[in-house]
Amino acid sequence: MKSVVKTRTLRQSAVFKATPHEVYEMLMDSKKHSAFTGTKAKISAKVGGKFTAYDGDIDGRNVKLVANKLIVQTWRESQWPKNHYSTVTYKLEKNGSGTKLTFMQKDVPASFAADISEGWKEYYWSRMKEYLNE
Protein backbone atom coordinates (compact mmCIF):
# COMPACT_ATOMS: atom_id res chain seq x y z
CA MET A 1 0.00 0.00 0.00
CA LYS A 2 1.34 3.42 -0.96
CA SER A 3 2.01 5.77 1.95
CA VAL A 4 0.25 9.11 1.85
CA VAL A 5 2.28 12.19 2.74
CA LYS A 6 0.36 15.10 4.25
CA THR A 7 1.32 18.22 2.31
CA ARG A 8 1.06 21.98 2.40
CA THR A 9 1.18 24.73 -0.24
CA LEU A 10 3.54 27.65 0.29
CA ARG A 11 2.96 31.08 -1.25
CA GLN A 12 5.45 33.96 -1.12
CA SER A 13 6.45 37.00 -3.11
CA ALA A 14 9.52 39.18 -3.31
CA VAL A 15 10.46 42.31 -5.22
CA PHE A 16 13.95 42.70 -6.67
CA LYS A 17 15.74 45.74 -8.08
CA ALA A 18 16.55 43.84 -11.25
CA THR A 19 14.95 43.05 -14.60
CA PRO A 20 12.84 39.90 -15.05
CA HIS A 21 15.69 38.62 -17.25
CA GLU A 22 18.25 39.08 -14.44
CA VAL A 23 16.02 37.31 -11.89
CA TYR A 24 15.27 34.47 -14.34
CA GLU A 25 19.00 34.02 -14.99
CA MET A 26 19.77 33.90 -11.26
CA LEU A 27 17.35 31.00 -10.88
CA MET A 28 18.18 29.18 -14.12
CA ASP A 29 21.90 29.78 -14.79
CA SER A 30 24.19 27.35 -12.91
CA LYS A 31 26.99 29.89 -12.36
CA LYS A 32 24.71 32.71 -11.21
CA HIS A 33 22.70 30.37 -8.97
CA SER A 34 25.93 29.07 -7.42
CA ALA A 35 27.18 32.64 -6.97
CA PHE A 36 24.21 33.91 -4.96
CA THR A 37 23.77 30.74 -2.89
CA GLY A 38 27.47 30.15 -2.27
CA THR A 39 26.93 26.46 -3.08
CA LYS A 40 27.17 24.25 -6.16
CA ALA A 41 24.23 24.26 -8.58
CA LYS A 42 23.84 22.49 -11.91
CA ILE A 43 20.79 23.60 -13.85
CA SER A 44 19.57 22.56 -17.28
CA ALA A 45 17.94 25.40 -19.21
CA LYS A 46 15.66 22.98 -21.10
CA VAL A 47 12.15 21.68 -20.41
CA GLY A 48 12.53 18.15 -19.06
CA GLY A 49 16.09 18.90 -17.98
CA LYS A 50 17.32 18.16 -14.47
CA PHE A 51 18.73 20.50 -11.86
CA THR A 52 20.50 20.28 -8.54
CA ALA A 53 21.17 23.08 -6.06
CA TYR A 54 22.74 23.52 -2.64
CA ASP A 55 25.46 20.94 -3.29
CA GLY A 56 22.88 18.34 -4.38
CA ASP A 57 20.56 18.72 -1.37
CA ILE A 58 17.86 19.94 -3.76
CA ASP A 59 17.01 18.28 -7.05
CA GLY A 60 14.27 18.25 -9.63
CA ARG A 61 13.28 18.72 -13.23
CA ASN A 62 12.08 21.61 -15.37
CA VAL A 63 8.40 21.23 -16.30
CA LYS A 64 7.70 24.54 -18.06
CA LEU A 65 9.97 27.45 -18.93
CA VAL A 66 8.94 30.79 -20.42
CA ALA A 67 12.07 32.95 -20.60
CA ASN A 68 12.01 35.86 -18.15
CA LYS A 69 8.39 35.13 -17.15
CA LEU A 70 7.74 31.64 -15.75
CA ILE A 71 9.60 28.67 -14.28
CA VAL A 72 7.76 25.50 -13.20
CA GLN A 73 9.81 22.67 -11.70
CA THR A 74 9.44 19.47 -9.76
CA TRP A 75 11.50 20.01 -6.61
CA ARG A 76 12.60 17.96 -3.62
CA GLU A 77 14.84 18.31 -0.61
CA SER A 78 17.10 15.32 0.11
CA GLN A 79 15.55 14.63 3.54
CA TRP A 80 12.02 14.27 2.18
CA PRO A 81 10.32 10.90 1.82
CA LYS A 82 11.89 8.95 -1.04
CA ASN A 83 10.58 9.91 -4.50
CA HIS A 84 8.30 12.67 -3.14
CA TYR A 85 8.47 15.83 -5.25
CA SER A 86 6.72 19.16 -4.85
CA THR A 87 5.90 21.55 -7.70
CA VAL A 88 7.54 24.98 -7.61
CA THR A 89 6.25 27.89 -9.70
CA TYR A 90 8.07 31.21 -10.07
CA LYS A 91 6.19 33.97 -11.92
CA LEU A 92 8.18 37.05 -12.87
CA GLU A 93 6.51 40.38 -13.64
CA LYS A 94 8.00 43.79 -14.35
CA ASN A 95 7.26 46.02 -11.37
CA GLY A 96 8.31 49.63 -11.93
CA SER A 97 12.08 49.51 -12.37
CA GLY A 98 12.28 46.05 -10.80
CA THR A 99 10.69 42.60 -10.81
CA LYS A 100 7.99 41.05 -8.67
CA LEU A 101 8.51 37.34 -8.14
CA THR A 102 5.37 35.43 -7.15
CA PHE A 103 6.21 32.00 -5.77
CA MET A 104 4.12 28.91 -5.05
CA GLN A 105 5.25 25.46 -3.92
CA LYS A 106 2.62 22.71 -3.87
CA ASP A 107 2.88 19.32 -2.15
CA VAL A 108 5.51 20.22 0.46
CA PRO A 109 5.51 17.50 3.17
CA ALA A 110 3.68 19.11 6.11
CA SER A 111 6.43 18.20 8.59
CA PHE A 112 8.93 20.23 6.49
CA ALA A 113 6.67 23.14 5.48
CA ALA A 114 7.74 25.66 8.14
CA ASP A 115 11.47 25.04 7.54
CA ILE A 116 11.09 25.13 3.75
CA SER A 117 9.05 28.36 3.94
CA GLU A 118 11.76 30.06 6.03
CA GLY A 119 14.44 28.55 3.80
CA TRP A 120 13.09 30.30 0.70
CA LYS A 121 13.20 33.64 2.52
CA GLU A 122 16.66 33.14 4.03
CA TYR A 123 18.48 31.12 1.34
CA TYR A 124 16.84 32.53 -1.79
CA TRP A 125 15.07 35.89 -1.61
CA SER A 126 17.46 37.55 0.88
CA ARG A 127 20.58 36.11 -0.80
CA MET A 128 19.32 37.15 -4.23
CA LYS A 129 18.86 40.70 -2.90
CA GLU A 130 22.38 40.65 -1.40
CA TYR A 131 23.76 39.41 -4.73
CA LEU A 132 22.01 42.30 -6.48
CA ASN A 133 23.41 44.68 -3.83
CA GLU A 134 19.95 45.78 -2.71
C-alpha atoms as a PDB file:
ATOM      1  CA  MET A   1       0.000   0.000   0.000  1.00  0.00           C
ATOM      2  CA  LYS A   2       1.335   3.421  -0.963  1.00  0.00           C
ATOM      3  CA  SER A   3       2.012   5.765   1.948  1.00  0.00           C
ATOM      4  CA  VAL A   4       0.252   9.115   1.854  1.00  0.00           C
ATOM      5  CA  VAL A   5       2.283  12.190   2.738  1.00  0.00           C
ATOM      6  CA  LYS A   6       0.360  15.101   4.249  1.00  0.00           C
ATOM      7  CA  THR A   7       1.318  18.218   2.314  1.00  0.00           C
ATOM      8  CA  ARG A   8       1.061  21.984   2.403  1.00  0.00           C
ATOM      9  CA  THR A   9       1.184  24.727  -0.235  1.00  0.00           C
ATOM     10  CA  LEU A  10       3.542  27.648   0.285  1.00  0.00           C
ATOM     11  CA  ARG A  11       2.964  31.082  -1.251  1.00  0.00           C
ATOM     12  CA  GLN A  12       5.450  33.959  -1.122  1.00  0.00           C
ATOM     13  CA  SER A  13       6.448  36.997  -3.108  1.00  0.00           C
ATOM     14  CA  ALA A  14       9.523  39.176  -3.312  1.00  0.00           C
ATOM     15  CA  VAL A  15      10.461  42.310  -5.223  1.00  0.00           C
ATOM     16  CA  PHE A  16      13.954  42.703  -6.672  1.00  0.00           C
ATOM     17  CA  LYS A  17      15.741  45.742  -8.078  1.00  0.00           C
ATOM     18  CA  ALA A  18      16.549  43.842 -11.254  1.00  0.00           C
ATOM     19  CA  THR A  19      14.951  43.050 -14.597  1.00  0.00           C
ATOM     20  CA  PRO A  20      12.841  39.905 -15.054  1.00  0.00           C
ATOM     21  CA  HIS A  21      15.694  38.620 -17.248  1.00  0.00           C
ATOM     22  CA  GLU A  22      18.246  39.083 -14.444  1.00  0.00           C
ATOM     23  CA  VAL A  23      16.022  37.307 -11.886  1.00  0.00           C
ATOM     24  CA  TYR A  24      15.267  34.474 -14.340  1.00  0.00           C
ATOM     25  CA  GLU A  25      19.002  34.021 -14.985  1.00  0.00           C
ATOM     26  CA  MET A  26      19.774  33.895 -11.261  1.00  0.00           C
ATOM     27  CA  LEU A  27      17.350  31.001 -10.880  1.00  0.00           C
ATOM     28  CA  MET A  28      18.180  29.177 -14.121  1.00  0.00           C
ATOM     29  CA  ASP A  29      21.902  29.781 -14.790  1.00  0.00           C
ATOM     30  CA  SER A  30      24.187  27.353 -12.911  1.00  0.00           C
ATOM     31  CA  LYS A  31      26.985  29.889 -12.359  1.00  0.00           C
ATOM     32  CA  LYS A  32      24.709  32.713 -11.210  1.00  0.00           C
ATOM     33  CA  HIS A  33      22.699  30.371  -8.970  1.00  0.00           C
ATOM     34  CA  SER A  34      25.932  29.069  -7.421  1.00  0.00           C
ATOM     35  CA  ALA A  35      27.177  32.642  -6.965  1.00  0.00           C
ATOM     36  CA  PHE A  36      24.212  33.912  -4.964  1.00  0.00           C
ATOM     37  CA  THR A  37      23.773  30.742  -2.886  1.00  0.00           C
ATOM     38  CA  GLY A  38      27.465  30.147  -2.270  1.00  0.00           C
ATOM     39  CA  THR A  39      26.929  26.460  -3.082  1.00  0.00           C
ATOM     40  CA  LYS A  40      27.167  24.249  -6.161  1.00  0.00           C
ATOM     41  CA  ALA A  41      24.227  24.261  -8.578  1.00  0.00           C
ATOM     42  CA  LYS A  42      23.844  22.495 -11.907  1.00  0.00           C
ATOM     43  CA  ILE A  43      20.789  23.596 -13.853  1.00  0.00           C
ATOM     44  CA  SER A  44      19.569  22.556 -17.278  1.00  0.00           C
ATOM     45  CA  ALA A  45      17.937  25.401 -19.212  1.00  0.00           C
ATOM     46  CA  LYS A  46      15.662  22.983 -21.098  1.00  0.00           C
ATOM     47  CA  VAL A  47      12.152  21.679 -20.411  1.00  0.00           C
ATOM     48  CA  GLY A  48      12.528  18.148 -19.061  1.00  0.00           C
ATOM     49  CA  GLY A  49      16.088  18.903 -17.979  1.00  0.00           C
ATOM     50  CA  LYS A  50      17.318  18.164 -14.469  1.00  0.00           C
ATOM     51  CA  PHE A  51      18.732  20.502 -11.863  1.00  0.00           C
ATOM     52  CA  THR A  52      20.502  20.275  -8.538  1.00  0.00           C
ATOM     53  CA  ALA A  53      21.174  23.076  -6.064  1.00  0.00           C
ATOM     54  CA  TYR A  54      22.738  23.517  -2.642  1.00  0.00           C
ATOM     55  CA  ASP A  55      25.465  20.938  -3.287  1.00  0.00           C
ATOM     56  CA  GLY A  56      22.883  18.341  -4.379  1.00  0.00           C
ATOM     57  CA  ASP A  57      20.562  18.719  -1.372  1.00  0.00           C
ATOM     58  CA  ILE A  58      17.858  19.945  -3.761  1.00  0.00           C
ATOM     59  CA  ASP A  59      17.005  18.276  -7.052  1.00  0.00           C
ATOM     60  CA  GLY A  60      14.270  18.252  -9.626  1.00  0.00           C
ATOM     61  CA  ARG A  61      13.284  18.716 -13.234  1.00  0.00           C
ATOM     62  CA  ASN A  62      12.076  21.612 -15.373  1.00  0.00           C
ATOM     63  CA  VAL A  63       8.402  21.225 -16.297  1.00  0.00           C
ATOM     64  CA  LYS A  64       7.699  24.536 -18.062  1.00  0.00           C
ATOM     65  CA  LEU A  65       9.968  27.453 -18.933  1.00  0.00           C
ATOM     66  CA  VAL A  66       8.941  30.787 -20.416  1.00  0.00           C
ATOM     67  CA  ALA A  67      12.067  32.949 -20.602  1.00  0.00           C
ATOM     68  CA  ASN A  68      12.008  35.856 -18.155  1.00  0.00           C
ATOM     69  CA  LYS A  69       8.387  35.127 -17.147  1.00  0.00           C
ATOM     70  CA  LEU A  70       7.744  31.643 -15.747  1.00  0.00           C
ATOM     71  CA  ILE A  71       9.597  28.667 -14.278  1.00  0.00           C
ATOM     72  CA  VAL A  72       7.764  25.499 -13.201  1.00  0.00           C
ATOM     73  CA  GLN A  73       9.810  22.666 -11.698  1.00  0.00           C
ATOM     74  CA  THR A  74       9.444  19.473  -9.756  1.00  0.00           C
ATOM     75  CA  TRP A  75      11.502  20.014  -6.606  1.00  0.00           C
ATOM     76  CA  ARG A  76      12.599  17.965  -3.619  1.00  0.00           C
ATOM     77  CA  GLU A  77      14.843  18.306  -0.609  1.00  0.00           C
ATOM     78  CA  SER A  78      17.098  15.321   0.111  1.00  0.00           C
ATOM     79  CA  GLN A  79      15.548  14.629   3.542  1.00  0.00           C
ATOM     80  CA  TRP A  80      12.022  14.275   2.182  1.00  0.00           C
ATOM     81  CA  PRO A  81      10.317  10.903   1.815  1.00  0.00           C
ATOM     82  CA  LYS A  82      11.887   8.951  -1.036  1.00  0.00           C
ATOM     83  CA  ASN A  83      10.582   9.913  -4.500  1.00  0.00           C
ATOM     84  CA  HIS A  84       8.300  12.672  -3.138  1.00  0.00           C
ATOM     85  CA  TYR A  85       8.466  15.829  -5.252  1.00  0.00           C
ATOM     86  CA  SER A  86       6.723  19.161  -4.854  1.00  0.00           C
ATOM     87  CA  THR A  87       5.898  21.546  -7.703  1.00  0.00           C
ATOM     88  CA  VAL A  88       7.539  24.976  -7.611  1.00  0.00           C
ATOM     89  CA  THR A  89       6.247  27.893  -9.699  1.00  0.00           C
ATOM     90  CA  TYR A  90       8.070  31.207 -10.066  1.00  0.00           C
ATOM     91  CA  LYS A  91       6.185  33.965 -11.922  1.00  0.00           C
ATOM     92  CA  LEU A  92       8.184  37.055 -12.874  1.00  0.00           C
ATOM     93  CA  GLU A  93       6.511  40.380 -13.643  1.00  0.00           C
ATOM     94  CA  LYS A  94       8.002  43.788 -14.351  1.00  0.00           C
ATOM     95  CA  ASN A  95       7.264  46.018 -11.366  1.00  0.00           C
ATOM     96  CA  GLY A  96       8.306  49.628 -11.932  1.00  0.00           C
ATOM     97  CA  SER A  97      12.081  49.508 -12.374  1.00  0.00           C
ATOM     98  CA  GLY A  98      12.278  46.051 -10.801  1.00  0.00           C
ATOM     99  CA  THR A  99      10.695  42.603 -10.806  1.00  0.00           C
ATOM    100  CA  LYS A 100       7.990  41.045  -8.667  1.00  0.00           C
ATOM    101  CA  LEU A 101       8.508  37.337  -8.141  1.00  0.00           C
ATOM    102  CA  THR A 102       5.371  35.426  -7.146  1.00  0.00           C
ATOM    103  CA  PHE A 103       6.208  32.004  -5.773  1.00  0.00           C
ATOM    104  CA  MET A 104       4.119  28.910  -5.048  1.00  0.00           C
ATOM    105  CA  GLN A 105       5.247  25.464  -3.917  1.00  0.00           C
ATOM    106  CA  LYS A 106       2.619  22.710  -3.868  1.00  0.00           C
ATOM    107  CA  ASP A 107       2.876  19.315  -2.151  1.00  0.00           C
ATOM    108  CA  VAL A 108       5.507  20.218   0.464  1.00  0.00           C
ATOM    109  CA  PRO A 109       5.507  17.503   3.165  1.00  0.00           C
ATOM    110  CA  ALA A 110       3.678  19.109   6.111  1.00  0.00           C
ATOM    111  CA  SER A 111       6.429  18.199   8.589  1.00  0.00           C
ATOM    112  CA  PHE A 112       8.928  20.227   6.494  1.00  0.00           C
ATOM    113  CA  ALA A 113       6.667  23.139   5.480  1.00  0.00           C
ATOM    114  CA  ALA A 114       7.743  25.659   8.139  1.00  0.00           C
ATOM    115  CA  ASP A 115      11.466  25.043   7.539  1.00  0.00           C
ATOM    116  CA  ILE A 116      11.088  25.132   3.754  1.00  0.00           C
ATOM    117  CA  SER A 117       9.055  28.357   3.941  1.00  0.00           C
ATOM    118  CA  GLU A 118      11.755  30.056   6.032  1.00  0.00           C
ATOM    119  CA  GLY A 119      14.441  28.554   3.799  1.00  0.00           C
ATOM    120  CA  TRP A 120      13.087  30.297   0.703  1.00  0.00           C
ATOM    121  CA  LYS A 121      13.196  33.637   2.519  1.00  0.00           C
ATOM    122  CA  GLU A 122      16.661  33.142   4.026  1.00  0.00           C
ATOM    123  CA  TYR A 123      18.483  31.124   1.342  1.00  0.00           C
ATOM    124  CA  TYR A 124      16.839  32.527  -1.790  1.00  0.00           C
ATOM    125  CA  TRP A 125      15.069  35.890  -1.605  1.00  0.00           C
ATOM    126  CA  SER A 126      17.463  37.554   0.882  1.00  0.00           C
ATOM    127  CA  ARG A 127      20.576  36.110  -0.799  1.00  0.00           C
ATOM    128  CA  MET A 128      19.320  37.152  -4.226  1.00  0.00           C
ATOM    129  CA  LYS A 129      18.863  40.703  -2.901  1.00  0.00           C
ATOM    130  CA  GLU A 130      22.377  40.650  -1.401  1.00  0.00           C
ATOM    131  CA  TYR A 131      23.758  39.412  -4.731  1.00  0.00           C
ATOM    132  CA  LEU A 132      22.009  42.299  -6.477  1.00  0.00           C
ATOM    133  CA  ASN A 133      23.409  44.685  -3.829  1.00  0.00           C
ATOM    134  CA  GLU A 134      19.953  45.775  -2.711  1.00  0.00           C
END
